[in-house]
Amino acid sequence: MSEDLRRLGDPGSGEFRVEAYPFYLLNRAASRYNVVIESQLRPIGIDIPTWRVLMILGEHEPLPIAQVAKSAVINISTMMRIVERMTKAELITTQPSETDGRVTELVMSDLGREKLAAAREATSPVYHKVIRGISAGEFGQLLDLLGRLHDNLE
């Protein structure tokens, strides 16, 4: 049986250790990942927020701007600036929703699809490097644990 490290991750504990604090570890991993991914995306001519939007639209489109913002974990005012920049770069277009004219939806352009394909190809080796040495079971457990952390914050 392994030691219960939860008390070491509790910021209110006198035994607190930053290396046992899950959110420090998540932020450290995400920050490092973003540095690596950004270096792969830069030659394609896109940044991380653009890549997030394209990845989301690559799964389903059209989507309302607010839904893309939520999925991309980007606040709506920042999302509006990203949409404006991506529209000017001809990566996406906007259109009114067929069911609710007050809602603006995003659709990828042909150039956006090309950039998404290039970004997926460029970032796939990074993904494979990141999951190296992690079994299928461990990977499933990681996804489950991250989902539970998220749900516990709701």
Protein backbone atom coordinates (compact mmCIF):
# COMPACT_ATOMS: atom_id res chain seq x y z
CA MET A 1 0.00 0.00 0.00
CA SER A 2 1.36 3.41 -0.92
CA GLU A 3 1.67 6.39 1.37
CA ASP A 4 -1.23 8.87 1.38
CA LEU A 5 0.35 12.02 -0.06
CA ARG A 6 -2.83 14.09 -0.06
CA ARG A 7 -1.85 15.94 3.12
CA LEU A 8 1.38 17.05 1.44
CA GLY A 9 -0.68 18.58 -1.38
CA ASP A 10 -2.97 20.48 1.00
CA PRO A 11 -1.92 24.16 1.03
CA GLY A 12 -3.46 24.45 4.51
CA SER A 13 -1.23 21.73 5.93
CA GLY A 14 1.97 22.44 7.80
CA GLU A 15 3.43 19.54 5.81
CA PHE A 16 2.58 21.13 2.44
CA ARG A 17 5.08 20.47 -0.36
CA VAL A 18 4.63 22.19 -3.70
CA GLU A 19 5.82 19.05 -5.55
CA ALA A 20 2.80 17.19 -4.09
CA TYR A 21 0.31 19.90 -5.09
CA PRO A 22 -1.56 18.54 -8.14
CA PHE A 23 -2.35 21.96 -9.59
CA TYR A 24 1.30 22.99 -9.50
CA LEU A 25 2.14 19.78 -11.35
CA LEU A 26 -0.69 20.28 -13.86
CA ASN A 27 0.39 23.87 -14.54
CA ARG A 28 4.04 22.85 -14.85
CA ALA A 29 3.16 20.12 -17.36
CA ALA A 30 0.77 22.37 -19.32
CA SER A 31 3.28 25.23 -19.45
CA ARG A 32 6.06 22.97 -20.70
CA TYR A 33 3.67 21.38 -23.21
CA ASN A 34 2.65 24.81 -24.51
CA VAL A 35 6.30 25.82 -25.03
CA VAL A 36 6.95 22.64 -27.02
CA ILE A 37 3.71 22.83 -29.02
CA GLU A 38 4.21 26.51 -29.80
CA SER A 39 7.56 25.69 -31.40
CA GLN A 40 5.77 23.16 -33.64
CA LEU A 41 2.94 25.52 -34.57
CA ARG A 42 5.01 28.63 -35.28
CA PRO A 43 6.38 27.32 -38.64
CA ILE A 44 2.78 26.61 -39.71
CA GLY A 45 1.84 30.22 -38.96
CA ILE A 46 -0.60 29.62 -36.12
CA ASP A 47 -0.55 30.09 -32.36
CA ILE A 48 -1.94 27.94 -29.55
CA PRO A 49 -5.36 29.66 -29.25
CA THR A 50 -5.85 29.35 -33.02
CA TRP A 51 -4.86 25.70 -32.85
CA ARG A 52 -7.36 25.08 -30.03
CA VAL A 53 -10.18 26.64 -32.05
CA LEU A 54 -9.27 24.68 -35.18
CA MET A 55 -9.04 21.41 -33.19
CA ILE A 56 -12.51 21.99 -31.72
CA LEU A 57 -14.04 22.90 -35.09
CA GLY A 58 -12.27 19.89 -36.59
CA GLU A 59 -14.49 17.65 -34.46
CA HIS A 60 -17.76 19.44 -35.15
CA GLU A 61 -18.87 22.53 -37.01
CA PRO A 62 -20.55 24.91 -37.18
CA LEU A 63 -20.37 25.76 -33.48
CA PRO A 64 -21.51 28.84 -31.57
CA ILE A 65 -18.67 31.14 -30.51
CA ALA A 66 -19.62 30.73 -26.84
CA GLN A 67 -19.41 26.94 -27.09
CA VAL A 68 -15.99 27.10 -28.74
CA ALA A 69 -14.80 29.51 -26.05
CA LYS A 70 -15.98 27.15 -23.30
CA SER A 71 -14.41 24.10 -24.94
CA ALA A 72 -11.13 25.97 -25.53
CA VAL A 73 -11.13 27.35 -21.97
CA ILE A 74 -10.91 30.91 -23.30
CA ASN A 75 -12.99 33.76 -21.90
CA ILE A 76 -15.51 35.19 -24.33
CA SER A 77 -13.88 38.62 -24.74
CA THR A 78 -10.54 37.00 -25.60
CA MET A 79 -12.39 34.57 -27.87
CA MET A 80 -13.91 37.46 -29.80
CA ARG A 81 -10.42 38.85 -30.51
CA ILE A 82 -9.24 35.40 -31.60
CA VAL A 83 -12.26 35.06 -33.91
CA GLU A 84 -11.53 38.47 -35.42
CA ARG A 85 -7.88 37.54 -36.00
CA MET A 86 -8.76 34.13 -37.46
CA THR A 87 -11.40 35.64 -39.73
CA LYS A 88 -8.89 38.19 -41.07
CA ALA A 89 -6.42 35.34 -41.64
CA GLU A 90 -9.20 33.53 -43.56
CA LEU A 91 -9.01 30.46 -41.30
CA ILE A 92 -12.68 30.64 -40.30
CA THR A 93 -15.89 32.34 -41.28
CA THR A 94 -18.80 33.38 -39.10
CA GLN A 95 -22.46 32.85 -39.82
CA PRO A 96 -25.72 33.32 -37.96
CA SER A 97 -27.17 30.15 -36.45
CA GLU A 98 -29.98 28.62 -38.51
CA THR A 99 -31.99 28.04 -35.33
CA ASP A 100 -31.24 31.30 -33.47
CA GLY A 101 -30.24 34.39 -35.44
CA ARG A 102 -28.79 35.96 -32.27
CA VAL A 103 -26.11 33.26 -32.13
CA THR A 104 -22.97 33.51 -34.27
CA GLU A 105 -21.39 30.25 -35.35
CA LEU A 106 -17.88 29.48 -36.52
CA VAL A 107 -17.03 27.44 -39.61
CA MET A 108 -13.57 26.48 -40.82
CA SER A 109 -12.45 27.65 -44.22
CA ASP A 110 -10.45 25.48 -46.63
CA LEU A 111 -7.29 27.27 -45.42
CA GLY A 112 -8.31 26.54 -41.83
CA ARG A 113 -8.66 22.84 -42.69
CA GLU A 114 -5.20 22.89 -44.30
CA LYS A 115 -3.69 24.55 -41.22
CA LEU A 116 -5.45 22.06 -38.94
CA ALA A 117 -4.10 19.10 -40.93
CA ALA A 118 -0.58 20.56 -40.82
CA ALA A 119 -0.86 21.26 -37.08
CA ARG A 120 -2.08 17.73 -36.36
CA GLU A 121 0.83 16.29 -38.30
CA ALA A 122 3.32 18.59 -36.54
CA THR A 123 1.99 17.97 -33.03
CA SER A 124 1.43 14.21 -33.26
CA PRO A 125 5.10 13.36 -32.53
CA VAL A 126 4.91 15.53 -29.40
CA TYR A 127 1.83 13.62 -28.25
CA HIS A 128 3.60 10.31 -28.78
CA LYS A 129 6.64 11.56 -26.84
CA VAL A 130 4.43 12.74 -23.97
CA ILE A 131 2.62 9.40 -23.58
CA ARG A 132 5.76 7.29 -24.00
CA GLY A 133 6.02 4.79 -21.14
CA ILE A 134 2.37 5.23 -20.13
CA SER A 135 0.30 2.08 -20.55
CA ALA A 136 -3.18 2.07 -22.06
CA GLY A 137 -4.62 1.46 -18.60
CA GLU A 138 -2.60 4.28 -17.05
CA PHE A 139 -3.67 6.59 -19.87
CA GLY A 140 -7.32 5.77 -19.25
CA GLN A 141 -6.78 6.33 -15.54
CA LEU A 142 -5.11 9.68 -16.21
CA LEU A 143 -8.06 10.84 -18.31
CA ASP A 144 -10.45 9.63 -15.61
CA LEU A 145 -8.54 11.39 -12.82
CA LEU A 146 -8.31 14.66 -14.75
CA GLY A 147 -12.03 14.47 -15.47
CA ARG A 148 -12.77 13.88 -11.79
CA LEU A 149 -10.58 16.83 -10.74
CA HIS A 150 -12.50 19.01 -13.20
CA ASP A 151 -15.86 17.74 -12.04
CA ASN A 152 -14.93 18.33 -8.39
CA LEU A 153 -14.30 21.99 -9.23
CA GLU A 154 -17.78 22.42 -10.73
